[in-house]
Amino acid sequence: MRSWDLQQDLHMHQECNMKLNKVFAFLYWIRDASITAKTYFQQHGYQIVQSQSVERTGIMLVNFKIIKKLNKPALDKNKLE
């Protein structure tokens, strides 16, 4: 029986996440948009995923995580390896 190796499992988990992020980037554009820019992005096919609060120089700002599914792949499939 194989012993459990936390470091090896963590490495495999990180490697899988990197590959999934590459595939996701191949299919979607993900952006952070300000309140001001939100309407513009919505008019161009982006959907709001979530509202976020971000602190910049001591000031809390609200922005939005937005996403757009691409009609055509953004990357060459061969670059996913």
N, C-alpha and C. Protein backbone atom coordinates (compact mmCIF):
# COMPACT_ATOMS: atom_id res chain seq x y z
N MET A 1 0.84 -1.18 0.00
CA MET A 1 0.00 0.00 0.00
C MET A 1 0.89 1.25 0.00
N ARG A 2 0.55 2.19 -0.85
CA ARG A 2 1.33 3.42 -0.99
C ARG A 2 1.05 4.37 0.16
N SER A 3 2.10 4.93 0.71
CA SER A 3 1.92 5.90 1.79
C SER A 3 1.51 7.25 1.20
N TRP A 4 0.78 7.99 1.98
CA TRP A 4 0.28 9.29 1.55
C TRP A 4 1.39 10.32 1.63
N ASP A 5 1.61 11.03 0.53
CA ASP A 5 2.67 12.04 0.46
C ASP A 5 2.02 13.40 0.21
N LEU A 6 1.91 14.19 1.26
CA LEU A 6 1.25 15.49 1.17
C LEU A 6 1.91 16.40 0.14
N GLN A 7 3.22 16.44 0.13
CA GLN A 7 3.92 17.33 -0.79
C GLN A 7 3.68 16.92 -2.24
N GLN A 8 3.68 15.63 -2.52
CA GLN A 8 3.43 15.15 -3.87
C GLN A 8 1.99 15.45 -4.27
N ASP A 9 1.05 15.23 -3.36
CA ASP A 9 -0.35 15.53 -3.66
C ASP A 9 -0.56 17.02 -3.91
N LEU A 10 0.09 17.85 -3.13
CA LEU A 10 -0.01 19.30 -3.32
C LEU A 10 0.55 19.70 -4.68
N HIS A 11 1.67 19.13 -5.06
CA HIS A 11 2.27 19.42 -6.36
C HIS A 11 1.32 19.01 -7.48
N MET A 12 0.71 17.83 -7.37
CA MET A 12 -0.23 17.36 -8.39
C MET A 12 -1.44 18.29 -8.46
N HIS A 13 -1.92 18.73 -7.30
CA HIS A 13 -3.06 19.64 -7.24
C HIS A 13 -2.73 20.96 -7.94
N GLN A 14 -1.56 21.51 -7.67
CA GLN A 14 -1.13 22.77 -8.29
C GLN A 14 -0.98 22.61 -9.80
N GLU A 15 -0.43 21.48 -10.22
CA GLU A 15 -0.26 21.22 -11.65
C GLU A 15 -1.62 21.11 -12.35
N CYS A 16 -2.56 20.43 -11.72
CA CYS A 16 -3.90 20.31 -12.29
C CYS A 16 -4.58 21.68 -12.38
N ASN A 17 -4.44 22.49 -11.35
CA ASN A 17 -5.01 23.84 -11.38
C ASN A 17 -4.43 24.68 -12.50
N MET A 18 -3.12 24.58 -12.72
CA MET A 18 -2.49 25.33 -13.80
C MET A 18 -3.06 24.90 -15.15
N LYS A 19 -3.24 23.60 -15.35
CA LYS A 19 -3.79 23.11 -16.61
C LYS A 19 -5.24 23.54 -16.78
N LEU A 20 -6.03 23.48 -15.71
CA LEU A 20 -7.42 23.93 -15.78
C LEU A 20 -7.51 25.41 -16.10
N ASN A 21 -6.64 26.22 -15.51
CA ASN A 21 -6.62 27.65 -15.80
C ASN A 21 -6.30 27.92 -17.26
N LYS A 22 -5.41 27.13 -17.84
CA LYS A 22 -5.08 27.29 -19.26
C LYS A 22 -6.28 26.95 -20.13
N VAL A 23 -6.98 25.87 -19.78
CA VAL A 23 -8.17 25.49 -20.54
C VAL A 23 -9.25 26.56 -20.39
N PHE A 24 -9.45 27.05 -19.17
CA PHE A 24 -10.45 28.08 -18.92
C PHE A 24 -10.13 29.35 -19.71
N ALA A 25 -8.86 29.74 -19.74
CA ALA A 25 -8.44 30.92 -20.50
C ALA A 25 -8.65 30.72 -21.99
N PHE A 26 -8.64 29.48 -22.43
CA PHE A 26 -8.87 29.14 -23.83
C PHE A 26 -10.33 29.37 -24.20
N LEU A 27 -11.24 29.25 -23.25
CA LEU A 27 -12.67 29.33 -23.51
C LEU A 27 -13.33 30.63 -23.06
N TYR A 28 -12.72 31.34 -22.11
CA TYR A 28 -13.35 32.51 -21.51
C TYR A 28 -12.35 33.64 -21.33
N TRP A 29 -12.88 34.87 -21.35
CA TRP A 29 -12.11 36.02 -20.90
C TRP A 29 -12.66 36.41 -19.54
N ILE A 30 -11.77 36.61 -18.59
CA ILE A 30 -12.17 37.01 -17.25
C ILE A 30 -11.53 38.36 -16.95
N ARG A 31 -12.32 39.28 -16.44
CA ARG A 31 -11.83 40.63 -16.15
C ARG A 31 -12.38 41.10 -14.81
N ASP A 32 -11.77 42.12 -14.27
CA ASP A 32 -12.30 42.87 -13.14
C ASP A 32 -12.73 44.22 -13.70
N ALA A 33 -13.97 44.60 -13.44
CA ALA A 33 -14.50 45.85 -13.99
C ALA A 33 -15.01 46.75 -12.87
N SER A 34 -14.76 48.03 -13.01
CA SER A 34 -15.26 49.01 -12.04
C SER A 34 -16.77 49.19 -12.24
N ILE A 35 -17.38 49.89 -11.29
CA ILE A 35 -18.81 50.20 -11.42
C ILE A 35 -19.04 50.99 -12.72
N THR A 36 -18.15 51.90 -13.02
CA THR A 36 -18.28 52.73 -14.22
C THR A 36 -18.19 51.90 -15.50
N ALA A 37 -17.28 50.93 -15.53
CA ALA A 37 -17.05 50.13 -16.74
C ALA A 37 -18.01 48.95 -16.87
N LYS A 38 -18.71 48.61 -15.81
CA LYS A 38 -19.58 47.42 -15.80
C LYS A 38 -20.59 47.43 -16.94
N THR A 39 -21.28 48.55 -17.15
CA THR A 39 -22.29 48.64 -18.20
C THR A 39 -21.68 48.43 -19.58
N TYR A 40 -20.52 49.02 -19.82
CA TYR A 40 -19.84 48.86 -21.10
C TYR A 40 -19.57 47.38 -21.38
N PHE A 41 -19.01 46.68 -20.40
CA PHE A 41 -18.70 45.26 -20.60
C PHE A 41 -19.97 44.43 -20.79
N GLN A 42 -21.04 44.75 -20.06
CA GLN A 42 -22.29 44.02 -20.23
C GLN A 42 -22.84 44.21 -21.64
N GLN A 43 -22.69 45.40 -22.19
CA GLN A 43 -23.15 45.66 -23.55
C GLN A 43 -22.33 44.90 -24.58
N HIS A 44 -21.15 44.44 -24.19
CA HIS A 44 -20.28 43.70 -25.09
C HIS A 44 -20.23 42.21 -24.76
N GLY A 45 -21.27 41.71 -24.10
CA GLY A 45 -21.43 40.28 -23.91
C GLY A 45 -20.84 39.67 -22.65
N TYR A 46 -20.31 40.49 -21.76
CA TYR A 46 -19.77 39.96 -20.50
C TYR A 46 -20.91 39.77 -19.50
N GLN A 47 -20.75 38.78 -18.63
CA GLN A 47 -21.71 38.55 -17.56
C GLN A 47 -21.02 38.77 -16.22
N ILE A 48 -21.76 39.31 -15.28
CA ILE A 48 -21.21 39.53 -13.94
C ILE A 48 -21.21 38.21 -13.18
N VAL A 49 -20.06 37.87 -12.62
CA VAL A 49 -19.92 36.65 -11.84
C VAL A 49 -20.13 36.97 -10.36
N GLN A 50 -19.50 38.04 -9.89
CA GLN A 50 -19.64 38.42 -8.48
C GLN A 50 -19.21 39.86 -8.27
N SER A 51 -19.74 40.44 -7.21
CA SER A 51 -19.32 41.76 -6.76
C SER A 51 -18.16 41.57 -5.80
N GLN A 52 -17.20 42.49 -5.84
CA GLN A 52 -16.02 42.38 -4.99
C GLN A 52 -15.76 43.72 -4.31
N SER A 53 -15.22 43.68 -3.12
CA SER A 53 -14.75 44.89 -2.44
C SER A 53 -13.23 44.83 -2.40
N VAL A 54 -12.60 45.89 -2.88
CA VAL A 54 -11.14 45.93 -2.95
C VAL A 54 -10.67 47.20 -2.25
N GLU A 55 -9.64 47.08 -1.43
CA GLU A 55 -9.09 48.25 -0.75
C GLU A 55 -7.89 48.78 -1.53
N ARG A 56 -7.93 50.06 -1.85
CA ARG A 56 -6.82 50.72 -2.53
C ARG A 56 -6.48 51.98 -1.75
N THR A 57 -5.27 52.08 -1.29
CA THR A 57 -4.77 53.21 -0.49
C THR A 57 -5.76 53.61 0.62
N GLY A 58 -6.27 52.60 1.31
CA GLY A 58 -7.16 52.84 2.44
C GLY A 58 -8.60 53.13 2.09
N ILE A 59 -8.96 53.07 0.82
CA ILE A 59 -10.33 53.34 0.38
C ILE A 59 -10.93 52.04 -0.15
N MET A 60 -12.13 51.70 0.33
CA MET A 60 -12.82 50.51 -0.16
C MET A 60 -13.54 50.84 -1.46
N LEU A 61 -13.25 50.07 -2.49
CA LEU A 61 -13.88 50.24 -3.80
C LEU A 61 -14.65 48.97 -4.13
N VAL A 62 -15.74 49.13 -4.87
CA VAL A 62 -16.51 47.98 -5.34
C VAL A 62 -16.19 47.79 -6.81
N ASN A 63 -15.85 46.56 -7.17
CA ASN A 63 -15.72 46.23 -8.58
C ASN A 63 -16.38 44.88 -8.82
N PHE A 64 -16.33 44.40 -10.05
CA PHE A 64 -17.06 43.20 -10.42
C PHE A 64 -16.15 42.25 -11.18
N LYS A 65 -16.24 40.97 -10.85
CA LYS A 65 -15.59 39.92 -11.63
C LYS A 65 -16.56 39.62 -12.77
N ILE A 66 -16.10 39.78 -14.01
CA ILE A 66 -16.95 39.55 -15.17
C ILE A 66 -16.31 38.51 -16.07
N ILE A 67 -17.14 37.87 -16.88
CA ILE A 67 -16.66 36.77 -17.71
C ILE A 67 -17.38 36.80 -19.06
N LYS A 68 -16.66 36.40 -20.09
CA LYS A 68 -17.27 36.31 -21.42
C LYS A 68 -16.79 35.03 -22.09
N LYS A 69 -17.75 34.23 -22.55
CA LYS A 69 -17.40 33.02 -23.28
C LYS A 69 -16.98 33.42 -24.69
N LEU A 70 -15.87 32.88 -25.14
CA LEU A 70 -15.35 33.23 -26.46
C LEU A 70 -16.00 32.38 -27.53
N ASN A 71 -16.31 33.01 -28.67
CA ASN A 71 -16.84 32.27 -29.81
C ASN A 71 -15.73 31.49 -30.50
N LYS A 72 -14.55 32.10 -30.54
CA LYS A 72 -13.39 31.46 -31.14
C LYS A 72 -12.33 31.30 -30.06
N PRO A 73 -11.59 30.21 -30.08
CA PRO A 73 -10.55 30.01 -29.07
C PRO A 73 -9.55 31.16 -29.05
N ALA A 74 -9.13 31.54 -27.84
CA ALA A 74 -8.16 32.62 -27.68
C ALA A 74 -6.73 32.14 -27.84
N LEU A 75 -6.53 30.85 -27.69
CA LEU A 75 -5.18 30.27 -27.75
C LEU A 75 -5.14 29.12 -28.72
N ASP A 76 -3.96 28.80 -29.17
CA ASP A 76 -3.74 27.61 -29.97
C ASP A 76 -3.85 26.39 -29.06
N LYS A 77 -4.62 25.39 -29.44
CA LYS A 77 -4.80 24.20 -28.61
C LYS A 77 -3.48 23.55 -28.26
N ASN A 78 -2.49 23.63 -29.13
CA ASN A 78 -1.20 23.00 -28.88
C ASN A 78 -0.46 23.65 -27.72
N LYS A 79 -0.80 24.88 -27.36
CA LYS A 79 -0.14 25.59 -26.27
C LYS A 79 -0.65 25.16 -24.90
N LEU A 80 -1.67 24.30 -24.87
CA LEU A 80 -2.24 23.86 -23.60
C LEU A 80 -1.40 22.77 -22.95
N GLU A 81 -0.52 22.18 -23.67
CA GLU A 81 0.32 21.08 -23.14
C GLU A 81 1.33 21.61 -22.16
